[in-house]
């Protein structure tokens, strides 16, 4: 429903609502043509919107770090940006889960933040 203006949609959400972003990869794919400075600003704007909303926001994101490195530059760009974006959002999230094969692993409970991640 929101191909590109996700931060604005989060800011416009009514207080105490629950927003589901499924999936973050689809939104990212819609913005792959952005140059690096524009992409960084888009990410910063999205993260800032999370601090400005009174809604609960749930993100579903593809895990791209476990697969084969894509053969084409656009695929590698997608993987790099997805990793960057999930780290940014995960660092600010109250809860972070890895879901695989029907099981959810609470990464805050069982993991440690990697030094250097904001």
Protein backbone atom coordinates (compact mmCIF):
# COMPACT_ATOMS: atom_id res chain seq x y z
CA UNK A 1 0.00 0.00 0.00
CA UNK A 2 2.99 2.32 0.52
CA UNK A 3 5.47 1.75 -2.33
CA UNK A 4 7.93 4.49 -1.32
CA UNK A 5 6.68 6.94 1.32
CA UNK A 6 6.91 4.62 4.33
CA UNK A 7 8.28 7.19 6.78
CA UNK A 8 5.43 9.57 5.98
CA UNK A 9 2.85 6.79 6.41
CA UNK A 10 4.30 5.94 9.83
CA UNK A 11 4.15 9.60 10.86
CA UNK A 12 0.51 9.88 9.69
CA UNK A 13 -0.65 6.76 11.53
CA UNK A 14 -3.19 7.29 14.27
CA UNK A 15 -1.86 6.93 17.79
CA UNK A 16 -2.09 3.49 19.38
CA UNK A 17 -2.53 1.65 16.08
CA UNK A 18 -0.45 -1.27 14.90
CA UNK A 19 1.28 -1.02 11.53
CA UNK A 20 2.60 -4.10 9.74
CA UNK A 21 5.35 -3.60 7.15
CA UNK A 22 5.41 -6.86 5.22
CA UNK A 23 7.88 -6.85 3.71
CA UNK A 24 10.73 -4.43 4.17
CA UNK A 25 12.46 -5.97 1.15
CA UNK A 26 9.63 -5.01 -1.18
CA UNK A 27 9.80 -1.42 0.02
CA UNK A 28 13.59 -1.43 -0.40
CA UNK A 29 13.32 -2.87 -3.92
CA UNK A 30 11.10 0.06 -4.88
CA UNK A 31 13.95 2.42 -3.93
CA UNK A 32 16.99 0.60 -5.36
CA UNK A 33 17.46 3.32 -7.96
CA UNK A 34 18.34 5.89 -5.27
CA UNK A 35 21.96 7.00 -5.16
CA UNK A 36 23.86 6.38 -1.92
CA UNK A 37 23.35 9.83 -0.29
CA UNK A 38 19.63 9.73 -1.07
CA UNK A 39 19.33 6.18 0.25
CA UNK A 40 21.11 7.11 3.49
CA UNK A 41 18.72 10.04 3.94
CA UNK A 42 15.75 7.76 3.25
CA UNK A 43 16.97 5.34 5.93
CA UNK A 44 17.56 8.15 8.41
CA UNK A 45 14.07 9.50 7.73
CA UNK A 46 12.52 6.07 8.25
CA UNK A 47 14.35 5.53 11.54
CA UNK A 48 13.43 9.05 12.69
CA UNK A 49 9.76 8.37 11.94
CA UNK A 50 9.86 5.43 14.36
CA UNK A 51 10.82 7.78 17.18
CA UNK A 52 8.02 10.17 16.25
CA UNK A 53 5.10 7.75 16.15
CA UNK A 54 2.87 6.57 18.95
CA UNK A 55 1.93 3.51 16.91
CA UNK A 56 3.40 0.06 17.18
CA UNK A 57 5.31 -0.80 14.00
CA UNK A 58 6.11 -4.40 13.13
CA UNK A 59 8.63 -5.01 10.35
CA UNK A 60 9.02 -8.26 8.45
CA UNK A 61 12.39 -8.38 6.71
CA UNK A 62 14.02 -10.96 4.51
CA UNK A 63 17.26 -12.47 5.80
CA UNK A 64 19.66 -12.00 2.90
CA UNK A 65 22.95 -12.77 4.61
CA UNK A 66 22.65 -16.55 4.52
CA UNK A 67 22.26 -17.04 0.80
CA UNK A 68 24.49 -17.06 -2.22
CA UNK A 69 26.10 -13.74 -3.11
CA UNK A 70 24.09 -12.46 -6.08
CA UNK A 71 25.86 -12.52 -9.44
CA UNK A 72 24.58 -9.10 -10.48
CA UNK A 73 25.38 -5.69 -8.98
CA UNK A 74 21.73 -4.81 -8.32
CA UNK A 75 21.30 -8.01 -6.30
CA UNK A 76 24.40 -7.28 -4.24
CA UNK A 77 23.15 -3.73 -3.67
CA UNK A 78 19.83 -5.13 -2.44
CA UNK A 79 21.60 -7.47 0.01
CA UNK A 80 23.91 -4.74 1.29
CA UNK A 81 21.09 -2.26 1.79
CA UNK A 82 18.81 -4.84 3.41
CA UNK A 83 21.54 -5.72 5.90
CA UNK A 84 22.17 -2.05 6.64
CA UNK A 85 18.47 -1.30 7.05
CA UNK A 86 17.70 -4.25 9.32
CA UNK A 87 20.65 -3.34 11.55
CA UNK A 88 19.42 0.26 11.84
CA UNK A 89 15.88 -0.76 12.67
CA UNK A 90 16.91 -3.67 14.89
CA UNK A 91 19.15 -1.43 16.98
CA UNK A 92 16.15 0.72 17.85
CA UNK A 93 13.50 -1.98 18.12
CA UNK A 94 12.08 -3.17 21.43
CA UNK A 95 11.98 -6.75 20.18
CA UNK A 96 13.92 -8.52 17.41
CA UNK A 97 13.11 -12.06 16.34
CA UNK A 98 14.61 -14.39 13.78
CA UNK A 99 11.87 -16.69 12.50
CA UNK A 100 12.74 -19.89 10.67
CA UNK A 101 10.90 -23.16 10.14
CA UNK A 102 8.04 -22.03 12.35
CA UNK A 103 10.24 -21.10 15.32
CA UNK A 104 11.00 -17.63 16.63
CA UNK A 105 14.34 -16.88 18.26
CA UNK A 106 14.48 -13.75 20.43
CA UNK A 107 17.75 -12.16 19.32
CA UNK A 108 17.82 -9.72 22.23
CA UNK A 109 17.67 -12.61 24.70
CA UNK A 110 20.14 -14.93 22.99
CA UNK A 111 22.38 -12.58 21.04
CA UNK A 112 24.78 -9.72 21.56
CA UNK A 113 24.95 -6.58 19.49
CA UNK A 114 27.97 -6.57 17.19
CA UNK A 115 30.34 -3.68 18.07
CA UNK A 116 30.18 -0.83 15.60
CA UNK A 117 26.46 -1.19 14.82
CA UNK A 118 24.41 1.87 15.67
